[in-house]
Amino acid sequence: MSRRRFVVALHELDRAYGGPEEGGWHFDTNVPSTEPEHRRFLRVFRSKAKASRYRDRLWDQARKASEGTRDVGSAIYAGGQYGAVMQRGEQPQPYPLRRPRYE
């Protein structure tokens, strides 16, 4: 029997350029934070409900800490926006796993 694990971690939010189609398009990204002080927020849960509650609290804290930084949609965004992400598995993964294609 496999054990379910839910990982909650801080991710840095960003927006990436997708391509020139239709006048240019962008897509949202998030990658696990590499800041040493953010590792202390990484938690592993067996219960999805507990992981969800922790993610919601952490998300609120991250948004409050990000107040005053530029929004990810700004052309001069220089980082500093974080969010909490819950994923099933062993390690936090970036989003999206594959670069989207314009169709």
C-alpha atoms as a PDB file:
ATOM      1  CA  MET A   1       0.000   0.000   0.000  1.00  0.00           C
ATOM      2  CA  SER A   2       1.442   3.385  -0.958  1.00  0.00           C
ATOM      3  CA  ARG A   3       1.316   6.205   1.529  1.00  0.00           C
ATOM      4  CA  ARG A   4      -0.118   9.499   0.412  1.00  0.00           C
ATOM      5  CA  ARG A   5       2.084  12.470   1.098  1.00  0.00           C
ATOM      6  CA  PHE A   6       1.250  16.109   0.592  1.00  0.00           C
ATOM      7  CA  VAL A   7       4.084  18.605   0.444  1.00  0.00           C
ATOM      8  CA  VAL A   8       3.491  22.273   1.221  1.00  0.00           C
ATOM      9  CA  ALA A   9       6.218  24.759   0.300  1.00  0.00           C
ATOM     10  CA  LEU A  10       6.757  28.411  -0.517  1.00  0.00           C
ATOM     11  CA  HIS A  11       7.069  29.115  -4.224  1.00  0.00           C
ATOM     12  CA  GLU A  12       8.186  32.306  -5.898  1.00  0.00           C
ATOM     13  CA  LEU A  13       5.578  33.613  -8.314  1.00  0.00           C
ATOM     14  CA  ASP A  14       6.487  35.039 -11.704  1.00  0.00           C
ATOM     15  CA  ARG A  15       5.228  35.511 -15.244  1.00  0.00           C
ATOM     16  CA  ALA A  16       7.120  34.263 -18.298  1.00  0.00           C
ATOM     17  CA  TYR A  17       6.958  35.385 -21.908  1.00  0.00           C
ATOM     18  CA  GLY A  18       5.181  32.759 -23.985  1.00  0.00           C
ATOM     19  CA  GLY A  19       5.703  34.104 -27.478  1.00  0.00           C
ATOM     20  CA  PRO A  20       4.834  36.774 -30.036  1.00  0.00           C
ATOM     21  CA  GLU A  21       1.514  35.262 -31.182  1.00  0.00           C
ATOM     22  CA  GLU A  22      -1.527  37.567 -30.971  1.00  0.00           C
ATOM     23  CA  GLY A  23       0.633  40.505 -29.960  1.00  0.00           C
ATOM     24  CA  GLY A  24       2.527  38.598 -27.279  1.00  0.00           C
ATOM     25  CA  TRP A  25       1.345  36.371 -24.472  1.00  0.00           C
ATOM     26  CA  HIS A  26       2.592  35.416 -21.032  1.00  0.00           C
ATOM     27  CA  PHE A  27       1.951  32.591 -18.586  1.00  0.00           C
ATOM     28  CA  ASP A  28       2.152  32.349 -14.807  1.00  0.00           C
ATOM     29  CA  THR A  29       4.932  30.350 -13.219  1.00  0.00           C
ATOM     30  CA  ASN A  30       6.006  29.392  -9.751  1.00  0.00           C
ATOM     31  CA  VAL A  31       9.143  27.642  -8.608  1.00  0.00           C
ATOM     32  CA  PRO A  32      10.089  26.340  -5.181  1.00  0.00           C
ATOM     33  CA  SER A  33      11.824  29.102  -3.277  1.00  0.00           C
ATOM     34  CA  THR A  34      15.558  28.619  -2.902  1.00  0.00           C
ATOM     35  CA  GLU A  35      15.852  31.179  -0.128  1.00  0.00           C
ATOM     36  CA  PRO A  36      17.442  29.422   2.880  1.00  0.00           C
ATOM     37  CA  GLU A  37      15.029  31.072   5.322  1.00  0.00           C
ATOM     38  CA  HIS A  38      12.050  29.676   3.363  1.00  0.00           C
ATOM     39  CA  ARG A  39      13.060  26.043   3.875  1.00  0.00           C
ATOM     40  CA  ARG A  40      11.682  26.147   7.398  1.00  0.00           C
ATOM     41  CA  PHE A  41       8.164  26.442   5.947  1.00  0.00           C
ATOM     42  CA  LEU A  42       8.439  23.183   3.987  1.00  0.00           C
ATOM     43  CA  ARG A  43       6.118  20.605   5.574  1.00  0.00           C
ATOM     44  CA  VAL A  44       5.000  17.091   4.673  1.00  0.00           C
ATOM     45  CA  PHE A  45       1.549  15.818   5.665  1.00  0.00           C
ATOM     46  CA  ARG A  46      -0.283  12.526   5.295  1.00  0.00           C
ATOM     47  CA  SER A  47      -3.655  14.225   5.569  1.00  0.00           C
ATOM     48  CA  LYS A  48      -4.829  16.342   2.652  1.00  0.00           C
ATOM     49  CA  ALA A  49      -7.080  18.361   4.985  1.00  0.00           C
ATOM     50  CA  LYS A  50      -4.193  19.279   7.319  1.00  0.00           C
ATOM     51  CA  ALA A  51      -1.967  20.121   4.362  1.00  0.00           C
ATOM     52  CA  SER A  52      -4.694  22.363   2.915  1.00  0.00           C
ATOM     53  CA  ARG A  53      -5.145  24.251   6.190  1.00  0.00           C
ATOM     54  CA  TYR A  54      -1.378  24.791   6.518  1.00  0.00           C
ATOM     55  CA  ARG A  55      -1.150  25.930   2.871  1.00  0.00           C
ATOM     56  CA  ASP A  56      -3.938  28.463   3.376  1.00  0.00           C
ATOM     57  CA  ARG A  57      -2.296  29.929   6.510  1.00  0.00           C
ATOM     58  CA  LEU A  58       1.109  30.034   4.815  1.00  0.00           C
ATOM     59  CA  TRP A  59      -0.389  31.645   1.697  1.00  0.00           C
ATOM     60  CA  ASP A  60      -1.915  34.410   3.834  1.00  0.00           C
ATOM     61  CA  GLN A  61       1.420  35.017   5.579  1.00  0.00           C
ATOM     62  CA  ALA A  62       3.292  35.094   2.254  1.00  0.00           C
ATOM     63  CA  ARG A  63       0.866  37.607   0.755  1.00  0.00           C
ATOM     64  CA  LYS A  64       1.135  39.891   3.778  1.00  0.00           C
ATOM     65  CA  ALA A  65       4.936  39.690   3.634  1.00  0.00           C
ATOM     66  CA  SER A  66       4.811  40.541  -0.106  1.00  0.00           C
ATOM     67  CA  GLU A  67       2.866  43.759   0.411  1.00  0.00           C
ATOM     68  CA  GLY A  68       4.694  46.670  -1.115  1.00  0.00           C
ATOM     69  CA  THR A  69       6.420  44.633  -3.833  1.00  0.00           C
ATOM     70  CA  ARG A  70       5.437  44.986  -7.469  1.00  0.00           C
ATOM     71  CA  ASP A  71       2.812  42.633  -8.861  1.00  0.00           C
ATOM     72  CA  VAL A  72       4.011  39.774 -11.101  1.00  0.00           C
ATOM     73  CA  GLY A  73       2.114  41.380 -13.979  1.00  0.00           C
ATOM     74  CA  SER A  74       4.252  44.506 -13.805  1.00  0.00           C
ATOM     75  CA  ALA A  75       6.822  45.021 -16.554  1.00  0.00           C
ATOM     76  CA  ILE A  76       9.352  45.944 -13.861  1.00  0.00           C
ATOM     77  CA  TYR A  77       8.598  43.067 -11.469  1.00  0.00           C
ATOM     78  CA  ALA A  78      11.873  42.051  -9.822  1.00  0.00           C
ATOM     79  CA  GLY A  79      10.765  39.149  -7.628  1.00  0.00           C
ATOM     80  CA  GLY A  80       9.543  39.041  -4.086  1.00  0.00           C
ATOM     81  CA  GLN A  81       6.026  37.644  -4.559  1.00  0.00           C
ATOM     82  CA  TYR A  82       5.522  34.262  -2.890  1.00  0.00           C
ATOM     83  CA  GLY A  83       2.686  31.844  -2.452  1.00  0.00           C
ATOM     84  CA  ALA A  84       2.157  28.526  -0.732  1.00  0.00           C
ATOM     85  CA  VAL A  85       1.690  25.479  -2.918  1.00  0.00           C
ATOM     86  CA  MET A  86       0.450  22.029  -1.954  1.00  0.00           C
ATOM     87  CA  GLN A  87       1.510  19.104  -4.107  1.00  0.00           C
ATOM     88  CA  ARG A  88       1.218  15.361  -3.862  1.00  0.00           C
ATOM     89  CA  GLY A  89       4.541  13.554  -3.745  1.00  0.00           C
ATOM     90  CA  GLU A  90       8.008  13.852  -2.358  1.00  0.00           C
ATOM     91  CA  GLN A  91       9.368  17.233  -3.439  1.00  0.00           C
ATOM     92  CA  PRO A  92       7.963  20.577  -4.516  1.00  0.00           C
ATOM     93  CA  GLN A  93       7.786  20.856  -8.301  1.00  0.00           C
ATOM     94  CA  PRO A  94       7.741  23.980 -10.460  1.00  0.00           C
ATOM     95  CA  TYR A  95       4.609  25.030 -12.314  1.00  0.00           C
ATOM     96  CA  PRO A  96       4.040  24.497 -15.118  1.00  0.00           C
ATOM     97  CA  LEU A  97       6.046  21.313 -15.554  1.00  0.00           C
ATOM     98  CA  ARG A  98       6.082  21.914 -19.325  1.00  0.00           C
ATOM     99  CA  ARG A  99       6.177  25.243 -21.089  1.00  0.00           C
ATOM    100  CA  PRO A 100       2.730  25.924 -22.587  1.00  0.00           C
ATOM    101  CA  ARG A 101       2.342  26.267 -26.342  1.00  0.00           C
ATOM    102  CA  TYR A 102       0.184  28.765 -28.137  1.00  0.00           C
ATOM    103  CA  GLU A 103      -2.610  27.070 -30.062  1.00  0.00           C
END
